[in-house]
Amino acid sequence: MAKRITTSLPDDLADEARRSGDSSGYIAEALREQRRVKDGMAALERLWGPGWQGGITDADRERANRLFGAT
């Protein structure tokens, strides 16, 4: 089942969604990805406790940037 909603997006994001050819599907996938990330972060907190991010070193961040192409 699907529900229709009306939302406003910044111009650049609206253009990106339109270019996808299926803006509803594009936005739905983005929301699913956001949920997946939040669930993953919650799992890490359950495993290592609150504040676990404090143990991440600059070397860890650099490696993650290389692996995931972040700048």
Protein backbone atom coordinates (compact mmCIF):
# COMPACT_ATOMS: atom_id res chain seq x y z
CA MET A 1 0.00 0.00 0.00
CA ALA A 2 1.20 3.51 -0.70
CA LYS A 3 0.13 6.89 0.65
CA ARG A 4 0.37 10.12 -1.28
CA ILE A 5 2.05 12.99 0.53
CA THR A 6 3.01 16.47 -0.54
CA THR A 7 6.43 17.74 0.43
CA SER A 8 8.76 20.56 -0.49
CA LEU A 9 12.42 20.00 -1.27
CA PRO A 10 15.30 22.37 -1.95
CA ASP A 11 15.66 22.98 -5.69
CA ASP A 12 18.80 20.87 -6.08
CA LEU A 13 17.25 17.86 -4.35
CA ALA A 14 13.96 18.19 -6.23
CA ASP A 15 15.89 18.29 -9.52
CA GLU A 16 17.89 15.22 -8.52
CA ALA A 17 14.72 13.31 -7.63
CA ARG A 18 13.08 14.27 -10.94
CA ARG A 19 16.15 13.22 -12.94
CA SER A 20 15.89 9.76 -11.39
CA GLY A 21 12.78 9.13 -13.48
CA ASP A 22 10.86 7.89 -10.43
CA SER A 23 10.92 10.61 -7.81
CA SER A 24 8.68 8.68 -5.41
CA GLY A 25 10.88 5.61 -5.62
CA TYR A 26 14.01 7.72 -5.30
CA ILE A 27 12.77 9.43 -2.14
CA ALA A 28 11.48 6.15 -0.69
CA GLU A 29 14.90 4.56 -1.21
CA ALA A 30 16.61 7.54 0.45
CA LEU A 31 14.33 7.20 3.48
CA ARG A 32 14.99 3.45 3.66
CA GLU A 33 18.73 4.12 3.55
CA GLN A 34 18.41 6.69 6.32
CA ARG A 35 16.51 4.14 8.42
CA ARG A 36 19.19 1.51 7.72
CA VAL A 37 21.95 3.88 8.85
CA LYS A 38 20.06 4.85 12.03
CA ASP A 39 19.41 1.19 12.83
CA GLY A 40 23.09 0.42 12.27
CA MET A 41 24.20 3.25 14.53
CA ALA A 42 21.78 2.06 17.23
CA ALA A 43 23.20 -1.47 16.92
CA LEU A 44 26.75 -0.14 17.35
CA GLU A 45 25.66 1.73 20.46
CA ARG A 46 24.07 -1.43 21.87
CA LEU A 47 27.28 -3.36 21.18
CA TRP A 48 29.83 -0.84 22.48
CA GLY A 49 27.78 1.50 24.65
CA PRO A 50 27.03 5.19 24.48
CA GLY A 51 29.88 7.38 23.31
CA TRP A 52 31.57 4.61 21.33
CA GLN A 53 32.39 7.13 18.58
CA GLY A 54 34.90 8.76 20.93
CA GLY A 55 37.27 5.85 20.32
CA ILE A 56 37.47 6.49 16.57
CA THR A 57 40.92 7.74 15.62
CA ASP A 58 41.94 10.06 12.80
CA ALA A 59 43.52 7.01 11.12
CA ASP A 60 40.13 5.24 11.29
CA ARG A 61 38.46 8.25 9.68
CA GLU A 62 41.08 8.45 6.93
CA ARG A 63 40.67 4.74 6.17
CA ALA A 64 36.87 5.10 6.03
CA ASN A 65 37.22 8.08 3.70
CA ARG A 66 39.46 6.05 1.38
CA LEU A 67 37.11 3.05 1.46
CA PHE A 68 33.93 5.01 0.91
CA GLY A 69 35.22 7.84 -1.27
CA ALA A 70 34.40 10.61 1.18
CA THR A 71 36.34 13.85 1.05
